[in-house]
Protein backbone atom coordinates (compact mmCIF):
# COMPACT_ATOMS: atom_id res chain seq x y z
CA MET A 1 67.22 28.84 -15.06
CA GLU A 2 65.75 32.14 -14.42
CA SER A 3 64.96 32.24 -18.03
CA ALA A 4 63.45 28.92 -18.81
CA GLY A 5 60.37 29.57 -15.79
CA ILE A 6 59.86 33.74 -16.97
CA GLN A 7 59.64 31.42 -20.17
CA GLN A 8 57.28 28.72 -19.43
CA LEU A 9 55.04 32.31 -16.90
CA LEU A 10 54.90 33.33 -20.41
CA ALA A 11 53.44 30.19 -22.01
CA ALA A 12 50.94 29.90 -19.77
CA GLU A 13 49.57 33.21 -19.72
CA GLN A 14 49.16 33.10 -23.42
CA GLU A 15 47.14 30.14 -23.16
CA ALA A 16 45.05 31.32 -20.50
CA GLN A 17 44.86 34.37 -22.17
CA GLN A 18 43.94 32.47 -25.50
CA ILE A 19 41.18 30.30 -23.12
CA VAL A 20 39.61 33.37 -21.81
CA ASN A 21 39.62 35.12 -25.33
CA ALA A 22 38.02 31.59 -26.51
CA ALA A 23 35.18 31.77 -23.62
CA ARG A 24 34.13 35.88 -24.53
CA THR A 25 34.49 34.47 -27.94
CA ALA A 26 31.52 31.18 -27.10
CA LYS A 27 29.85 34.13 -24.67
CA MET A 28 29.45 36.66 -27.53
CA THR A 29 27.91 33.81 -29.99
CA ARG A 30 25.77 31.81 -27.47
CA LEU A 31 24.06 35.58 -26.58
CA LYS A 32 23.56 36.77 -30.08
CA GLN A 33 22.47 33.16 -31.22
CA ALA A 34 20.24 33.47 -27.80
CA LYS A 35 18.79 36.77 -28.66
CA GLU A 36 18.53 36.20 -32.14
CA GLU A 37 16.19 33.00 -30.34
CA ALA A 38 14.19 35.29 -28.52
CA GLU A 39 13.10 37.62 -31.52
CA THR A 40 11.85 34.45 -33.77
CA GLU A 41 10.22 33.27 -30.83
CA VAL A 42 8.58 36.88 -29.74
CA SER A 43 8.01 37.53 -33.87
CA GLU A 44 6.46 34.01 -34.10
CA HIS A 45 4.09 35.21 -30.63
CA LYS A 46 3.03 38.41 -32.45
CA THR A 47 2.47 36.92 -35.71
CA SER A 48 0.24 34.00 -33.63
CA THR A 49 -1.31 36.24 -31.69
CA GLU A 50 -2.60 39.27 -35.26
CA GLN A 51 -3.98 36.14 -36.17
CA GLY A 52 -5.84 34.98 -33.58
CA PHE A 53 -7.36 38.93 -33.13
CA GLN A 54 -7.39 38.90 -37.15
CA ARG A 55 -10.02 35.22 -36.61
CA LYS A 56 -11.94 36.51 -33.86
CA LEU A 57 -12.38 39.88 -35.43
CA GLU A 58 -13.66 38.18 -38.16
CA ALA A 59 -15.58 35.74 -36.73
CA THR A 60 -17.47 39.13 -35.10
CA SER A 61 -17.88 41.64 -37.66
CA GLY A 62 -18.18 39.26 -40.91
CA ASP A 63 -20.89 37.73 -39.24
CA SER A 64 -23.00 41.45 -38.89
CA GLY A 65 -25.13 40.67 -41.28
CA ALA A 66 -25.65 37.40 -40.02
CA ASN A 67 -26.02 38.16 -36.85
CA VAL A 68 -28.35 41.20 -38.02
CA LYS A 69 -30.26 38.74 -39.84
CA ARG A 70 -30.77 36.60 -37.19
CA LEU A 71 -31.90 39.38 -35.06
CA GLU A 72 -34.22 40.58 -36.93
CA GLN A 73 -35.54 36.63 -37.52
CA GLU A 74 -35.68 36.21 -33.26
CA THR A 75 -37.66 39.77 -33.47
CA ASN A 76 -40.34 38.84 -36.22
CA ALA A 77 -41.09 35.49 -34.01
CA LYS A 78 -42.05 37.34 -30.98
CA ILE A 79 -43.48 39.26 -32.95
CA GLU A 80 -45.85 36.59 -33.85
CA GLN A 81 -45.99 35.47 -30.57
CA LEU A 82 -46.83 38.04 -28.99
CA LYS A 83 -49.95 38.85 -32.04
CA ASN A 84 -51.00 35.10 -30.80
CA GLU A 85 -51.23 35.60 -27.59
CA ALA A 86 -52.85 39.08 -27.76
CA SER A 87 -55.18 37.72 -29.95
CA ARG A 88 -55.57 34.73 -27.78
CA ILE A 89 -56.99 36.92 -25.26
CA SER A 90 -58.21 40.10 -26.28
CA LYS A 91 -62.17 38.35 -26.42
CA ASP A 92 -61.31 37.69 -23.07
CA VAL A 93 -60.31 40.95 -22.19
CA VAL A 94 -63.04 42.68 -24.37
CA ASP A 95 -65.87 40.80 -22.18
CA MET A 96 -63.80 41.90 -18.69
CA LEU A 97 -64.23 45.45 -20.11
CA LEU A 98 -68.02 45.28 -21.46
CA LYS A 99 -68.51 43.06 -17.75
CA ASN A 100 -67.55 45.69 -15.53
CA VAL A 101 -68.60 48.36 -17.97
CA THR A 102 -72.14 47.79 -17.80
CA THR A 103 -72.70 46.33 -14.52
CA VAL A 104 -73.55 48.61 -11.75
CA ASN A 105 -72.49 48.69 -8.68
CA ASN A 106 -75.18 50.63 -5.66
């Protein structure tokens, strides 16, 4: 009778060991899967970030020629505006200078 009880205990212990082993295997499988998912996510994020950086880099440096041309045009327009303004008021400045130079104050 004791032999039957010992056999049941051994069978229960073996079953418990199988359950523990199955749980460990499932845990290891899930950890491996989680690690692979994390690596994939990190890789995708890195790729996305790198592509965004490259687009910004191309947008800023790729257009440097266009930016230089735009700045030249803006500068030339400003120079023309200043020349026109100077031409418009130069007669008044000359008249004011002549008046002050030729006027004698006692």
